[in-house]
Amino acid sequence: MLPINGSSEVVPTLQLSKLSNLSHLSMSGNFFIHLPPVALLNLFHLKELHLNRLDKLVKIDSRTVPCSQLLGEQ
């Protein structure tokens, strides 16, 4: 699992785009305000995503995580 910790309000999309084999990601405890549609775009093998304690998060774009991924469908 890769934990992303920091005080930034911006999701590090450029860095995440280079981790296409990542299967577990924790973004918990950050100050992100918005998860844009490109945030998880290249994470083709992502199986587990933790979004706990995101107190400033006000929006997750519906295109960020397709419904089929949320339901565990292939």
Protein backbone atom coordinates (compact mmCIF):
# COMPACT_ATOMS: atom_id res chain seq x y z
CA MET A 1 0.00 0.00 0.00
CA LEU A 2 1.22 3.47 -0.87
CA PRO A 3 0.23 6.11 1.68
CA ILE A 4 0.05 9.70 0.44
CA ASN A 5 0.51 12.12 3.31
CA GLY A 6 0.87 15.84 3.13
CA SER A 7 -0.60 19.24 3.72
CA SER A 8 -1.42 20.05 0.10
CA GLU A 9 -4.99 20.64 -1.03
CA VAL A 10 -4.13 19.37 -4.52
CA VAL A 11 -4.05 15.68 -5.44
CA PRO A 12 -0.62 14.80 -6.95
CA THR A 13 -2.10 13.56 -10.24
CA LEU A 14 1.15 13.74 -12.23
CA GLN A 15 2.97 11.55 -9.71
CA LEU A 16 0.06 9.10 -9.44
CA SER A 17 -0.13 8.76 -13.23
CA LYS A 18 3.30 7.11 -13.20
CA LEU A 19 2.20 4.34 -10.80
CA SER A 20 0.12 2.22 -13.19
CA ASN A 21 0.89 -1.04 -11.33
CA LEU A 22 -0.23 0.29 -7.95
CA SER A 23 -2.87 -1.95 -6.37
CA HIS A 24 -3.45 -0.30 -2.96
CA LEU A 25 -3.56 3.43 -2.25
CA SER A 26 -4.33 5.37 0.92
CA MET A 27 -5.13 9.07 0.56
CA SER A 28 -6.50 9.23 4.11
CA GLY A 29 -5.81 12.15 6.40
CA ASN A 30 -4.99 14.67 3.67
CA PHE A 31 -6.34 18.14 3.01
CA PHE A 32 -7.62 17.49 -0.51
CA ILE A 33 -10.64 19.60 -1.44
CA HIS A 34 -11.50 17.86 -4.72
CA LEU A 35 -10.67 14.55 -6.41
CA PRO A 36 -10.55 15.43 -10.12
CA PRO A 37 -11.44 12.95 -12.89
CA VAL A 38 -7.78 12.47 -13.79
CA ALA A 39 -6.69 11.65 -10.21
CA LEU A 40 -6.80 7.86 -10.69
CA LEU A 41 -6.78 7.73 -14.47
CA ASN A 42 -3.73 5.48 -14.98
CA LEU A 43 -4.11 3.28 -11.92
CA PHE A 44 -5.20 0.27 -13.94
CA HIS A 45 -4.50 -2.30 -11.19
CA LEU A 46 -5.97 -0.35 -8.27
CA LYS A 47 -7.98 -2.73 -6.08
CA GLU A 48 -8.14 -0.84 -2.81
CA LEU A 49 -8.53 2.89 -2.19
CA HIS A 50 -8.71 4.45 1.27
CA LEU A 51 -10.30 7.90 1.56
CA ASN A 52 -10.77 8.18 5.32
CA ARG A 53 -10.43 11.39 7.34
CA LEU A 54 -10.54 13.77 4.36
CA ASP A 55 -12.11 16.58 6.38
CA LYS A 56 -11.77 19.25 3.67
CA LEU A 57 -13.00 17.10 0.78
CA VAL A 58 -16.12 18.63 -0.74
CA LYS A 59 -16.25 17.01 -4.17
CA ILE A 60 -15.39 13.72 -5.85
CA ASP A 61 -15.98 14.00 -9.57
CA SER A 62 -18.20 11.15 -10.78
CA ARG A 63 -15.62 10.33 -13.46
CA THR A 64 -12.82 9.85 -10.89
CA VAL A 65 -13.82 6.29 -10.01
CA PRO A 66 -16.13 4.53 -12.48
CA CYS A 67 -19.12 2.79 -10.89
CA SER A 68 -17.87 -0.59 -12.13
CA GLN A 69 -14.70 -0.13 -10.07
CA LEU A 70 -16.70 0.81 -6.99
CA LEU A 71 -18.74 -2.36 -7.38
CA GLY A 72 -15.70 -4.53 -8.03
CA GLU A 73 -16.75 -5.45 -11.56
CA GLN A 74 -14.21 -6.20 -14.28
